[in-house]
Amino acid sequence: MPLKTRQQVRDEFAHQGLSFSAWAKQRNYSVALVSAILNDDQAKPARKCLRGESHNIAVDLGLKVGVKTAFATSSVAFRPSAAPRMAAAA
């Protein structure tokens, strides 16, 4: 299966009468991320879609060949600065 360009994917959405947000919600993807990927520059994309959710979106859209991966969907990330600190002994 040949890879699609971002423009081809946008044209398919328009032809089907489907919005980016409807497609993203059906697949539990971030609407903003799908939009950012599809509206990115084809020649020098800011989003390379190398890993995580952006990789999975690109694979599902036909922008790249690959295997969808599992990724953390938690909106709470571990931040070492937020970890409890031990009180220093006086």
PDB file of N, CA and C in Angstrom:
ATOM      1  N   MET A   1       0.839  -1.173   0.000  1.00  0.00           N
ATOM      2  CA  MET A   1       0.000   0.000   0.000  1.00  0.00           C
ATOM      3  C   MET A   1       0.891   1.246   0.000  1.00  0.00           C
ATOM      4  N   PRO A   2       0.737   2.110  -0.985  1.00  0.00           N
ATOM      5  CA  PRO A   2       1.575   3.316  -1.035  1.00  0.00           C
ATOM      6  C   PRO A   2       1.213   4.281   0.091  1.00  0.00           C
ATOM      7  N   LEU A   3       2.216   5.004   0.546  1.00  0.00           N
ATOM      8  CA  LEU A   3       1.994   5.992   1.590  1.00  0.00           C
ATOM      9  C   LEU A   3       1.247   7.189   1.026  1.00  0.00           C
ATOM     10  N   LYS A   4       0.497   7.842   1.884  1.00  0.00           N
ATOM     11  CA  LYS A   4      -0.274   9.017   1.484  1.00  0.00           C
ATOM     12  C   LYS A   4       0.460  10.275   1.945  1.00  0.00           C
ATOM     13  N   THR A   5       0.210  11.354   1.257  1.00  0.00           N
ATOM     14  CA  THR A   5       0.700  12.649   1.713  1.00  0.00           C
ATOM     15  C   THR A   5      -0.352  13.238   2.656  1.00  0.00           C
ATOM     16  N   ARG A   6       0.044  14.245   3.396  1.00  0.00           N
ATOM     17  CA  ARG A   6      -0.908  14.913   4.281  1.00  0.00           C
ATOM     18  C   ARG A   6      -2.063  15.511   3.473  1.00  0.00           C
ATOM     19  N   GLN A   7      -1.749  16.060   2.310  1.00  0.00           N
ATOM     20  CA  GLN A   7      -2.791  16.641   1.458  1.00  0.00           C
ATOM     21  C   GLN A   7      -3.773  15.572   0.986  1.00  0.00           C
ATOM     22  N   GLN A   8      -3.286  14.407   0.631  1.00  0.00           N
ATOM     23  CA  GLN A   8      -4.176  13.325   0.204  1.00  0.00           C
ATOM     24  C   GLN A   8      -5.118  12.912   1.328  1.00  0.00           C
ATOM     25  N   VAL A   9      -4.596  12.857   2.539  1.00  0.00           N
ATOM     26  CA  VAL A   9      -5.442  12.491   3.682  1.00  0.00           C
ATOM     27  C   VAL A   9      -6.498  13.570   3.918  1.00  0.00           C
ATOM     28  N   ARG A  10      -6.097  14.836   3.863  1.00  0.00           N
ATOM     29  CA  ARG A  10      -7.064  15.931   4.031  1.00  0.00           C
ATOM     30  C   ARG A  10      -8.147  15.867   2.948  1.00  0.00           C
ATOM     31  N   ASP A  11      -7.741  15.567   1.714  1.00  0.00           N
ATOM     32  CA  ASP A  11      -8.700  15.448   0.613  1.00  0.00           C
ATOM     33  C   ASP A  11      -9.675  14.290   0.842  1.00  0.00           C
ATOM     34  N   GLU A  12      -9.172  13.171   1.378  1.00  0.00           N
ATOM     35  CA  GLU A  12     -10.039  12.026   1.682  1.00  0.00           C
ATOM     36  C   GLU A  12     -11.067  12.389   2.751  1.00  0.00           C
ATOM     37  N   PHE A  13     -10.618  13.108   3.777  1.00  0.00           N
ATOM     38  CA  PHE A  13     -11.549  13.552   4.813  1.00  0.00           C
ATOM     39  C   PHE A  13     -12.643  14.423   4.197  1.00  0.00           C
ATOM     40  N   ALA A  14     -12.254  15.366   3.350  1.00  0.00           N
ATOM     41  CA  ALA A  14     -13.224  16.261   2.708  1.00  0.00           C
ATOM     42  C   ALA A  14     -14.184  15.474   1.822  1.00  0.00           C
ATOM     43  N   HIS A  15     -13.655  14.513   1.070  1.00  0.00           N
ATOM     44  CA  HIS A  15     -14.480  13.699   0.171  1.00  0.00           C
ATOM     45  C   HIS A  15     -15.510  12.890   0.954  1.00  0.00           C
ATOM     46  N   GLN A  16     -15.112  12.394   2.130  1.00  0.00           N
ATOM     47  CA  GLN A  16     -15.998  11.577   2.967  1.00  0.00           C
ATOM     48  C   GLN A  16     -16.896  12.423   3.859  1.00  0.00           C
ATOM     49  N   GLY A  17     -16.641  13.739   3.907  1.00  0.00           N
ATOM     50  CA  GLY A  17     -17.424  14.601   4.784  1.00  0.00           C
ATOM     51  C   GLY A  17     -17.141  14.342   6.252  1.00  0.00           C
ATOM     52  N   LEU A  18     -15.922  13.941   6.550  1.00  0.00           N
ATOM     53  CA  LEU A  18     -15.520  13.583   7.910  1.00  0.00           C
ATOM     54  C   LEU A  18     -14.558  14.634   8.446  1.00  0.00           C
ATOM     55  N   SER A  19     -14.773  15.058   9.674  1.00  0.00           N
ATOM     56  CA  SER A  19     -13.876  16.050  10.275  1.00  0.00           C
ATOM     57  C   SER A  19     -12.711  15.352  10.961  1.00  0.00           C
ATOM     58  N   PHE A  20     -11.617  16.088  11.117  1.00  0.00           N
ATOM     59  CA  PHE A  20     -10.450  15.557  11.840  1.00  0.00           C
ATOM     60  C   PHE A  20     -10.863  15.172  13.258  1.00  0.00           C
ATOM     61  N   SER A  21     -11.664  16.031  13.880  1.00  0.00           N
ATOM     62  CA  SER A  21     -12.032  15.781  15.274  1.00  0.00           C
ATOM     63  C   SER A  21     -12.912  14.538  15.415  1.00  0.00           C
ATOM     64  N   ALA A  22     -13.831  14.319  14.496  1.00  0.00           N
ATOM     65  CA  ALA A  22     -14.676  13.117  14.555  1.00  0.00           C
ATOM     66  C   ALA A  22     -13.816  11.864  14.406  1.00  0.00           C
ATOM     67  N   TRP A  23     -12.876  11.887  13.468  1.00  0.00           N
ATOM     68  CA  TRP A  23     -11.988  10.747  13.251  1.00  0.00           C
ATOM     69  C   TRP A  23     -11.151  10.490  14.501  1.00  0.00           C
ATOM     70  N   ALA A  24     -10.602  11.546  15.079  1.00  0.00           N
ATOM     71  CA  ALA A  24      -9.756  11.414  16.270  1.00  0.00           C
ATOM     72  C   ALA A  24     -10.554  10.856  17.448  1.00  0.00           C
ATOM     73  N   LYS A  25     -11.752  11.374  17.657  1.00  0.00           N
ATOM     74  CA  LYS A  25     -12.577  10.922  18.784  1.00  0.00           C
ATOM     75  C   LYS A  25     -12.984   9.458  18.634  1.00  0.00           C
ATOM     76  N   GLN A  26     -13.263   9.023  17.401  1.00  0.00           N
ATOM     77  CA  GLN A  26     -13.622   7.622  17.166  1.00  0.00           C
ATOM     78  C   GLN A  26     -12.495   6.673  17.569  1.00  0.00           C
ATOM     79  N   ARG A  27     -11.269   7.173  17.486  1.00  0.00           N
ATOM     80  CA  ARG A  27     -10.100   6.327  17.757  1.00  0.00           C
ATOM     81  C   ARG A  27      -9.396   6.688  19.062  1.00  0.00           C
ATOM     82  N   ASN A  28     -10.026   7.543  19.850  1.00  0.00           N
ATOM     83  CA  ASN A  28      -9.467   7.994  21.133  1.00  0.00           C
ATOM     84  C   ASN A  28      -8.102   8.653  20.995  1.00  0.00           C
ATOM     85  N   TYR A  29      -7.944   9.457  19.954  1.00  0.00           N
ATOM     86  CA  TYR A  29      -6.724  10.226  19.764  1.00  0.00           C
ATOM     87  C   TYR A  29      -6.987  11.680  20.151  1.00  0.00           C
ATOM     88  N   SER A  30      -5.934  12.381  20.433  1.00  0.00           N
ATOM     89  CA  SER A  30      -6.015  13.803  20.713  1.00  0.00           C
ATOM     90  C   SER A  30      -6.398  14.540  19.422  1.00  0.00           C
ATOM     91  N   VAL A  31      -7.477  15.301  19.489  1.00  0.00           N
ATOM     92  CA  VAL A  31      -7.934  16.070  18.328  1.00  0.00           C
ATOM     93  C   VAL A  31      -6.859  17.069  17.908  1.00  0.00           C
ATOM     94  N   ALA A  32      -6.258  17.732  18.875  1.00  0.00           N
ATOM     95  CA  ALA A  32      -5.224  18.731  18.582  1.00  0.00           C
ATOM     96  C   ALA A  32      -4.014  18.091  17.906  1.00  0.00           C
ATOM     97  N   LEU A  33      -3.642  16.886  18.335  1.00  0.00           N
ATOM     98  CA  LEU A  33      -2.485  16.214  17.751  1.00  0.00           C
ATOM     99  C   LEU A  33      -2.773  15.761  16.317  1.00  0.00           C
ATOM    100  N   VAL A  34      -3.951  15.232  16.069  1.00  0.00           N
ATOM    101  CA  VAL A  34      -4.325  14.835  14.702  1.00  0.00           C
ATOM    102  C   VAL A  34      -4.298  16.056  13.790  1.00  0.00           C
ATOM    103  N   SER A  35      -4.873  17.134  14.247  1.00  0.00           N
ATOM    104  CA  SER A  35      -4.892  18.361  13.462  1.00  0.00           C
ATOM    105  C   SER A  35      -3.478  18.886  13.206  1.00  0.00           C
ATOM    106  N   ALA A  36      -2.634  18.845  14.231  1.00  0.00           N
ATOM    107  CA  ALA A  36      -1.247  19.320  14.084  1.00  0.00           C
ATOM    108  C   ALA A  36      -0.486  18.474  13.069  1.00  0.00           C
ATOM    109  N   ILE A  37      -0.700  17.178  13.080  1.00  0.00           N
ATOM    110  CA  ILE A  37      -0.010  16.286  12.143  1.00  0.00           C
ATOM    111  C   ILE A  37      -0.487  16.540  10.714  1.00  0.00           C
ATOM    112  N   LEU A  38      -1.793  16.650  10.526  1.00  0.00           N
ATOM    113  CA  LEU A  38      -2.322  16.820   9.177  1.00  0.00           C
ATOM    114  C   LEU A  38      -2.068  18.206   8.598  1.00  0.00           C
ATOM    115  N   ASN A  39      -1.917  19.202   9.445  1.00  0.00           N
ATOM    116  CA  ASN A  39      -1.675  20.555   8.966  1.00  0.00           C
ATOM    117  C   ASN A  39      -0.195  20.917   8.953  1.00  0.00           C
ATOM    118  N   ASP A  40       0.653  19.952   9.274  1.00  0.00           N
ATOM    119  CA  ASP A  40       2.095  20.185   9.300  1.00  0.00           C
ATOM    120  C   ASP A  40       2.644  20.261   7.876  1.00  0.00           C
ATOM    121  N   ASP A  41       3.844  20.776   7.750  1.00  0.00           N
ATOM    122  CA  ASP A  41       4.517  20.894   6.461  1.00  0.00           C
ATOM    123  C   ASP A  41       4.972  19.512   5.998  1.00  0.00           C
ATOM    124  N   GLN A  42       4.613  19.127   4.787  1.00  0.00           N
ATOM    125  CA  GLN A  42       4.973  17.807   4.261  1.00  0.00           C
ATOM    126  C   GLN A  42       6.485  17.669   4.058  1.00  0.00           C
ATOM    127  N   ALA A  43       7.119  18.717   3.556  1.00  0.00           N
ATOM    128  CA  ALA A  43       8.549  18.650   3.239  1.00  0.00           C
ATOM    129  C   ALA A  43       9.427  18.658   4.491  1.00  0.00           C
ATOM    130  N   LYS A  44       9.092  19.501   5.459  1.00  0.00           N
ATOM    131  CA  LYS A  44       9.877  19.598   6.697  1.00  0.00           C
ATOM    132  C   LYS A  44       8.921  19.612   7.884  1.00  0.00           C
ATOM    133  N   PRO A  45       8.352  18.452   8.204  1.00  0.00           N
ATOM    134  CA  PRO A  45       7.363  18.420   9.287  1.00  0.00           C
ATOM    135  C   PRO A  45       7.993  18.682  10.657  1.00  0.00           C
ATOM    136  N   ALA A  46       7.303  19.458  11.469  1.00  0.00           N
ATOM    137  CA  ALA A  46       7.746  19.692  12.844  1.00  0.00           C
ATOM    138  C   ALA A  46       7.510  18.430  13.669  1.00  0.00           C
ATOM    139  N   ARG A  47       6.440  17.726  13.352  1.00  0.00           N
ATOM    140  CA  ARG A  47       6.123  16.462  14.035  1.00  0.00           C
ATOM    141  C   ARG A  47       6.619  15.317  13.178  1.00  0.00           C
ATOM    142  N   LYS A  48       7.616  14.623  13.668  1.00  0.00           N
ATOM    143  CA  LYS A  48       8.202  13.516  12.914  1.00  0.00           C
ATOM    144  C   LYS A  48       7.407  12.217  13.054  1.00  0.00           C
ATOM    145  N   CYS A  49       6.542  12.144  14.073  1.00  0.00           N
ATOM    146  CA  CYS A  49       5.701  10.958  14.309  1.00  0.00           C
ATOM    147  C   CYS A  49       6.552   9.706  14.514  1.00  0.00           C
ATOM    148  N   LEU A  50       7.573   9.819  15.317  1.00  0.00           N
ATOM    149  CA  LEU A  50       8.503   8.719  15.531  1.00  0.00           C
ATOM    150  C   LEU A  50       8.050   7.738  16.604  1.00  0.00           C
ATOM    151  N   ARG A  51       7.269   8.209  17.578  1.00  0.00           N
ATOM    152  CA  ARG A  51       6.888   7.320  18.679  1.00  0.00           C
ATOM    153  C   ARG A  51       5.593   7.804  19.321  1.00  0.00           C
ATOM    154  N   GLY A  52       5.036   6.936  20.142  1.00  0.00           N
ATOM    155  CA  GLY A  52       3.857   7.299  20.921  1.00  0.00           C
ATOM    156  C   GLY A  52       2.607   7.525  20.086  1.00  0.00           C
ATOM    157  N   GLU A  53       1.771   8.420  20.578  1.00  0.00           N
ATOM    158  CA  GLU A  53       0.475   8.663  19.946  1.00  0.00           C
ATOM    159  C   GLU A  53       0.619   9.220  18.530  1.00  0.00           C
ATOM    160  N   SER A  54       1.587  10.107  18.311  1.00  0.00           N
ATOM    161  CA  SER A  54       1.751  10.669  16.967  1.00  0.00           C
ATOM    162  C   SER A  54       2.157   9.590  15.962  1.00  0.00           C
ATOM    163  N   HIS A  55       2.979   8.619  16.388  1.00  0.00           N
ATOM    164  CA  HIS A  55       3.350   7.493  15.518  1.00  0.00           C
ATOM    165  C   HIS A  55       2.099   6.698  15.146  1.00  0.00           C
ATOM    166  N   ASN A  56       1.279   6.379  16.152  1.00  0.00           N
ATOM    167  CA  ASN A  56       0.068   5.601  15.901  1.00  0.00           C
ATOM    168  C   ASN A  56      -0.902   6.331  14.971  1.00  0.00           C
ATOM    169  N   ILE A  57      -1.022   7.628  15.150  1.00  0.00           N
ATOM    170  CA  ILE A  57      -1.898   8.421  14.279  1.00  0.00           C
ATOM    171  C   ILE A  57      -1.394   8.363  12.841  1.00  0.00           C
ATOM    172  N   ALA A  58      -0.093   8.561  12.652  1.00  0.00           N
ATOM    173  CA  ALA A  58       0.485   8.542  11.299  1.00  0.00           C
ATOM    174  C   ALA A  58       0.287   7.183  10.633  1.00  0.00           C
ATOM    175  N   VAL A  59       0.429   6.102  11.395  1.00  0.00           N
ATOM    176  CA  VAL A  59       0.214   4.757  10.849  1.00  0.00           C
ATOM    177  C   VAL A  59      -1.254   4.592  10.453  1.00  0.00           C
ATOM    178  N   ASP A  60      -2.173   4.988  11.332  1.00  0.00           N
ATOM    179  CA  ASP A  60      -3.608   4.860  11.035  1.00  0.00           C
ATOM    180  C   ASP A  60      -4.037   5.706   9.837  1.00  0.00           C
ATOM    181  N   LEU A  61      -3.416   6.860   9.659  1.00  0.00           N
ATOM    182  CA  LEU A  61      -3.762   7.730   8.534  1.00  0.00           C
ATOM    183  C   LEU A  61      -3.109   7.289   7.225  1.00  0.00           C
ATOM    184  N   GLY A  62      -2.145   6.385   7.292  1.00  0.00           N
ATOM    185  CA  GLY A  62      -1.448   5.945   6.090  1.00  0.00           C
ATOM    186  C   GLY A  62      -0.295   6.844   5.702  1.00  0.00           C
ATOM    187  N   LEU A  63       0.159   7.681   6.636  1.00  0.00           N
ATOM    188  CA  LEU A  63       1.274   8.574   6.360  1.00  0.00           C
ATOM    189  C   LEU A  63       2.620   7.874   6.481  1.00  0.00           C
ATOM    190  N   LYS A  64       2.634   6.770   7.221  1.00  0.00           N
ATOM    191  CA  LYS A  64       3.879   6.019   7.387  1.00  0.00           C
ATOM    192  C   LYS A  64       3.574   4.547   7.591  1.00  0.00           C
ATOM    193  N   VAL A  65       4.568   3.726   7.316  1.00  0.00           N
ATOM    194  CA  VAL A  65       4.460   2.291   7.542  1.00  0.00           C
ATOM    195  C   VAL A  65       4.949   2.023   8.949  1.00  0.00           C
ATOM    196  N   GLY A  66       4.262   1.176   9.655  1.00  0.00           N
ATOM    197  CA  GLY A  66       4.702   0.852  11.000  1.00  0.00           C
ATOM    198  C   GLY A  66       3.673   0.017  11.726  1.00  0.00           C
ATOM    199  N   VAL A  67       4.013  -0.313  12.944  1.00  0.00           N
ATOM    200  CA  VAL A  67       3.142  -1.083  13.815  1.00  0.00           C
ATOM    201  C   VAL A  67       2.685  -0.160  14.929  1.00  0.00           C
ATOM    202  N   LYS A  68       1.401  -0.155  15.189  1.00  0.00           N
ATOM    203  CA  LYS A  68       0.902   0.676  16.281  1.00  0.00           C
ATOM    204  C   LYS A  68       1.461   0.158  17.591  1.00  0.00           C
ATOM    205  N   THR A  69       1.805   1.084  18.454  1.00  0.00           N
ATOM    206  CA  THR A  69       2.398   0.742  19.738  1.00  0.00           C
ATOM    207  C   THR A  69       1.473   1.151  20.869  1.00  0.00           C
ATOM    208  N   ALA A  70       1.678   0.519  22.010  1.00  0.00           N
ATOM    209  CA  ALA A  70       0.950   0.921  23.215  1.00  0.00           C
ATOM    210  C   ALA A  70       1.674   2.112  23.806  1.00  0.00           C
ATOM    211  N   PHE A  71       0.928   3.048  24.329  1.00  0.00           N
ATOM    212  CA  PHE A  71       1.545   4.204  24.953  1.00  0.00           C
ATOM    213  C   PHE A  71       0.720   4.600  26.162  1.00  0.00           C
ATOM    214  N   ALA A  72       1.343   5.286  27.078  1.00  0.00           N
ATOM    215  CA  ALA A  72       0.656   5.731  28.288  1.00  0.00           C
ATOM    216  C   ALA A  72      -0.338   6.822  27.931  1.00  0.00           C
ATOM    217  N   THR A  73      -1.551   6.680  28.413  1.00  0.00           N
ATOM    218  CA  THR A  73      -2.567   7.690  28.126  1.00  0.00           C
ATOM    219  C   THR A  73      -2.850   8.557  29.337  1.00  0.00           C
ATOM    220  N   SER A  74      -2.134   8.330  30.405  1.00  0.00           N
ATOM    221  CA  SER A  74      -2.361   9.111  31.603  1.00  0.00           C
ATOM    222  C   SER A  74      -1.931  10.549  31.382  1.00  0.00           C
ATOM    223  N   SER A  75      -2.755  11.474  31.822  1.00  0.00           N
ATOM    224  CA  SER A  75      -2.396  12.881  31.683  1.00  0.00           C
ATOM    225  C   SER A  75      -1.505  13.341  32.821  1.00  0.00           C
ATOM    226  N   VAL A  76      -1.286  12.456  33.795  1.00  0.00           N
ATOM    227  CA  VAL A  76      -0.425  12.791  34.927  1.00  0.00           C
ATOM    228  C   VAL A  76       0.924  12.143  34.703  1.00  0.00           C
ATOM    229  N   ALA A  77       1.921  12.949  34.497  1.00  0.00           N
ATOM    230  CA  ALA A  77       3.265  12.439  34.265  1.00  0.00           C
ATOM    231  C   ALA A  77       4.068  12.528  35.559  1.00  0.00           C
ATOM    232  N   PHE A  78       5.025  11.646  35.707  1.00  0.00           N
ATOM    233  CA  PHE A  78       5.896  11.690  36.869  1.00  0.00           C
ATOM    234  C   PHE A  78       6.851  12.852  36.713  1.00  0.00           C
ATOM    235  N   ARG A  79       6.865  13.692  37.695  1.00  0.00           N
ATOM    236  CA  ARG A  79       7.786  14.814  37.700  1.00  0.00           C
ATOM    237  C   ARG A  79       8.633  14.708  38.955  1.00  0.00           C
ATOM    238  N   PRO A  80       9.925  14.463  38.821  1.00  0.00           N
ATOM    239  CA  PRO A  80      10.778  14.318  39.991  1.00  0.00           C
ATOM    240  C   PRO A  80      10.683  15.502  40.947  1.00  0.00           C
ATOM    241  N   SER A  81      10.477  16.699  40.436  1.00  0.00           N
ATOM    242  CA  SER A  81      10.409  17.874  41.299  1.00  0.00           C
ATOM    243  C   SER A  81       9.141  17.853  42.164  1.00  0.00           C
ATOM    244  N   ALA A  82       8.138  17.079  41.753  1.00  0.00           N
ATOM    245  CA  ALA A  82       6.898  17.018  42.503  1.00  0.00           C
ATOM    246  C   ALA A  82       6.899  15.858  43.512  1.00  0.00           C
ATOM    247  N   ALA A  83       7.943  15.025  43.473  1.00  0.00           N
ATOM    248  CA  ALA A  83       8.026  13.898  44.384  1.00  0.00           C
ATOM    249  C   ALA A  83       8.259  14.418  45.801  1.00  0.00           C
ATOM    250  N   PRO A  84       7.698  13.726  46.792  1.00  0.00           N
ATOM    251  CA  PRO A  84       7.915  14.178  48.162  1.00  0.00           C
ATOM    252  C   PRO A  84       9.383  14.128  48.536  1.00  0.00           C
ATOM    253  N   ARG A  85       9.794  15.121  49.304  1.00  0.00           N
ATOM    254  CA  ARG A  85      11.186  15.184  49.719  1.00  0.00           C
ATOM    255  C   ARG A  85      11.317  14.780  51.169  1.00  0.00           C
ATOM    256  N   MET A  86      12.429  14.151  51.455  1.00  0.00           N
ATOM    257  CA  MET A  86      12.692  13.745  52.826  1.00  0.00           C
ATOM    258  C   MET A  86      13.245  14.955  53.574  1.00  0.00           C
ATOM    259  N   ALA A  87      12.778  15.136  54.754  1.00  0.00           N
ATOM    260  CA  ALA A  87      13.273  16.258  55.567  1.00  0.00           C
ATOM    261  C   ALA A  87      14.710  15.987  55.964  1.00  0.00           C
ATOM    262  N   ALA A  88      15.520  16.991  55.837  1.00  0.00           N
ATOM    263  CA  ALA A  88      16.925  16.851  56.206  1.00  0.00           C
ATOM    264  C   ALA A  88      17.060  16.793  57.714  1.00  0.00           C
ATOM    265  N   ALA A  89      17.929  15.906  58.160  1.00  0.00           N
ATOM    266  CA  ALA A  89      18.157  15.767  59.620  1.00  0.00           C
ATOM    267  C   ALA A  89      18.898  17.006  60.109  1.00  0.00           C
ATOM    268  N   ALA A  90      18.441  17.535  61.225  1.00  0.00           N
ATOM    269  CA  ALA A  90      19.043  18.761  61.753  1.00  0.00           C
ATOM    270  C   ALA A  90      20.235  18.471  62.625  1.00  0.00           C
TER     271      ALA A  90
END
